[in-house]
Amino acid sequence: MPNPPIRYLANCEIALDVSLEELSEDEWREWMVLDRYRAYKPPVRERLWRIDGSENR
């Protein structure tokens, strides 16, 4: 399988008792972030919605 879904890799990691880095190919790491500390962080909620109840009119 040229590019398996992450859940397949995670299941293999558990079944084989190895790290995810051992299962992944080097080129996958060029475009995939497999590290929770460097992963994309969602935007701040307050910037997306008005949570104070006011509206712009």
N, C-alpha and C. Protein backbone atom coordinates (compact mmCIF):
# COMPACT_ATOMS: atom_id res chain seq x y z
N MET A 1 0.86 -1.17 0.00
CA MET A 1 0.00 0.00 0.00
C MET A 1 0.90 1.23 0.00
N PRO A 2 0.82 2.09 -1.03
CA PRO A 2 1.74 3.22 -1.14
C PRO A 2 1.58 4.30 -0.07
N ASN A 3 0.37 4.55 0.38
CA ASN A 3 0.13 5.59 1.38
C ASN A 3 -1.02 5.16 2.29
N PRO A 4 -0.75 4.32 3.28
CA PRO A 4 -1.82 3.81 4.14
C PRO A 4 -2.39 4.90 5.04
N PRO A 5 -3.67 4.79 5.37
CA PRO A 5 -4.26 5.74 6.32
C PRO A 5 -3.56 5.64 7.68
N ILE A 6 -3.56 6.72 8.40
CA ILE A 6 -2.88 6.78 9.70
C ILE A 6 -3.44 5.76 10.68
N ARG A 7 -4.73 5.45 10.59
CA ARG A 7 -5.29 4.48 11.53
C ARG A 7 -4.71 3.09 11.29
N TYR A 8 -4.38 2.74 10.04
CA TYR A 8 -3.73 1.46 9.76
C TYR A 8 -2.36 1.43 10.43
N LEU A 9 -1.63 2.52 10.28
CA LEU A 9 -0.30 2.60 10.88
C LEU A 9 -0.38 2.54 12.41
N ALA A 10 -1.37 3.22 12.97
CA ALA A 10 -1.54 3.22 14.43
C ALA A 10 -1.87 1.81 14.93
N ASN A 11 -2.71 1.09 14.21
CA ASN A 11 -3.04 -0.28 14.60
C ASN A 11 -1.81 -1.19 14.49
N CYS A 12 -1.02 -1.02 13.44
CA CYS A 12 0.21 -1.79 13.29
C CYS A 12 1.20 -1.47 14.41
N GLU A 13 1.26 -0.19 14.77
CA GLU A 13 2.14 0.24 15.86
C GLU A 13 1.80 -0.52 17.14
N ILE A 14 0.52 -0.61 17.44
CA ILE A 14 0.07 -1.31 18.66
C ILE A 14 0.33 -2.81 18.54
N ALA A 15 -0.06 -3.40 17.41
CA ALA A 15 0.07 -4.85 17.23
C ALA A 15 1.52 -5.31 17.22
N LEU A 16 2.41 -4.52 16.62
CA LEU A 16 3.81 -4.91 16.49
C LEU A 16 4.70 -4.38 17.61
N ASP A 17 4.13 -3.53 18.46
CA ASP A 17 4.86 -2.92 19.57
C ASP A 17 6.10 -2.18 19.08
N VAL A 18 5.88 -1.31 18.08
CA VAL A 18 6.94 -0.47 17.52
C VAL A 18 6.45 0.97 17.51
N SER A 19 7.35 1.90 17.24
CA SER A 19 6.94 3.30 17.17
C SER A 19 6.43 3.63 15.77
N LEU A 20 5.64 4.67 15.68
CA LEU A 20 5.09 5.10 14.39
C LEU A 20 6.20 5.50 13.43
N GLU A 21 7.27 6.07 13.95
CA GLU A 21 8.40 6.47 13.11
C GLU A 21 9.05 5.28 12.42
N GLU A 22 9.04 4.13 13.08
CA GLU A 22 9.62 2.93 12.48
C GLU A 22 8.78 2.42 11.31
N LEU A 23 7.49 2.69 11.32
CA LEU A 23 6.60 2.21 10.26
C LEU A 23 6.49 3.17 9.09
N SER A 24 6.75 4.43 9.32
CA SER A 24 6.53 5.43 8.27
C SER A 24 7.76 5.56 7.37
N GLU A 25 7.50 5.89 6.13
CA GLU A 25 8.56 6.12 5.16
C GLU A 25 9.08 7.56 5.32
N ASP A 26 10.32 7.79 4.94
CA ASP A 26 10.91 9.12 5.07
C ASP A 26 10.14 10.17 4.30
N GLU A 27 9.68 9.86 3.09
CA GLU A 27 8.97 10.87 2.29
C GLU A 27 7.61 11.25 2.88
N TRP A 28 7.01 10.38 3.68
CA TRP A 28 5.75 10.73 4.33
C TRP A 28 5.96 11.86 5.33
N ARG A 29 7.10 11.87 5.97
CA ARG A 29 7.38 12.89 6.98
C ARG A 29 7.62 14.26 6.37
N GLU A 30 7.86 14.30 5.07
CA GLU A 30 8.08 15.59 4.42
C GLU A 30 6.80 16.41 4.34
N TRP A 31 5.66 15.77 4.29
CA TRP A 31 4.41 16.51 4.16
C TRP A 31 3.41 16.19 5.25
N MET A 32 3.68 15.23 6.11
CA MET A 32 2.78 14.88 7.19
C MET A 32 3.42 15.22 8.53
N VAL A 33 2.67 15.82 9.42
CA VAL A 33 3.16 16.07 10.77
C VAL A 33 2.70 14.91 11.64
N LEU A 34 3.65 14.14 12.13
CA LEU A 34 3.32 12.98 12.95
C LEU A 34 3.68 13.22 14.41
N ASP A 35 3.84 14.46 14.77
CA ASP A 35 4.26 14.83 16.11
C ASP A 35 3.21 15.75 16.72
N ARG A 36 2.61 15.36 17.81
CA ARG A 36 1.53 16.16 18.38
C ARG A 36 2.00 17.53 18.86
N TYR A 37 3.29 17.70 19.12
CA TYR A 37 3.80 18.98 19.59
C TYR A 37 3.99 19.98 18.45
N ARG A 38 4.13 19.50 17.22
CA ARG A 38 4.29 20.38 16.07
C ARG A 38 3.04 20.42 15.21
N ALA A 39 1.99 19.77 15.62
CA ALA A 39 0.77 19.70 14.82
C ALA A 39 0.09 21.06 14.73
N TYR A 40 -0.74 21.22 13.72
CA TYR A 40 -1.51 22.44 13.51
C TYR A 40 -2.40 22.69 14.72
N LYS A 41 -2.41 23.90 15.20
CA LYS A 41 -3.27 24.27 16.32
C LYS A 41 -4.48 25.03 15.77
N PRO A 42 -5.68 24.66 16.21
CA PRO A 42 -6.87 25.35 15.70
C PRO A 42 -6.89 26.81 16.13
N PRO A 43 -7.61 27.65 15.38
CA PRO A 43 -7.69 29.06 15.75
C PRO A 43 -8.41 29.26 17.08
N VAL A 44 -8.19 30.39 17.67
CA VAL A 44 -8.83 30.73 18.95
C VAL A 44 -10.33 30.89 18.72
N ARG A 45 -11.10 30.28 19.57
CA ARG A 45 -12.56 30.27 19.41
C ARG A 45 -13.16 31.67 19.36
N GLU A 46 -12.65 32.57 20.17
CA GLU A 46 -13.19 33.93 20.23
C GLU A 46 -13.02 34.67 18.90
N ARG A 47 -12.03 34.31 18.12
CA ARG A 47 -11.82 34.96 16.83
C ARG A 47 -12.80 34.46 15.77
N LEU A 48 -13.36 33.28 15.97
CA LEU A 48 -14.27 32.70 14.98
C LEU A 48 -15.73 33.12 15.21
N TRP A 49 -16.15 33.20 16.46
CA TRP A 49 -17.54 33.51 16.78
C TRP A 49 -17.61 34.57 17.86
N ARG A 50 -18.67 35.29 17.81
CA ARG A 50 -18.94 36.24 18.90
C ARG A 50 -19.62 35.44 20.01
N ILE A 51 -18.95 35.31 21.12
CA ILE A 51 -19.52 34.51 22.20
C ILE A 51 -20.12 35.37 23.30
N ASP A 52 -20.04 36.71 23.14
CA ASP A 52 -20.61 37.60 24.17
C ASP A 52 -22.06 37.97 23.88
N GLY A 53 -22.62 37.48 22.77
CA GLY A 53 -24.03 37.73 22.46
C GLY A 53 -24.24 38.97 21.63
N SER A 54 -23.23 39.81 21.42
CA SER A 54 -23.42 41.02 20.62
C SER A 54 -23.33 40.70 19.14
N GLU A 55 -23.93 41.58 18.33
CA GLU A 55 -23.91 41.39 16.88
C GLU A 55 -23.46 42.68 16.22
N ASN A 56 -22.82 42.56 15.09
CA ASN A 56 -22.52 43.74 14.27
C ASN A 56 -23.70 44.02 13.37
N ARG A 57 -24.21 45.22 13.40
CA ARG A 57 -25.35 45.56 12.55
C ARG A 57 -24.99 46.68 11.64
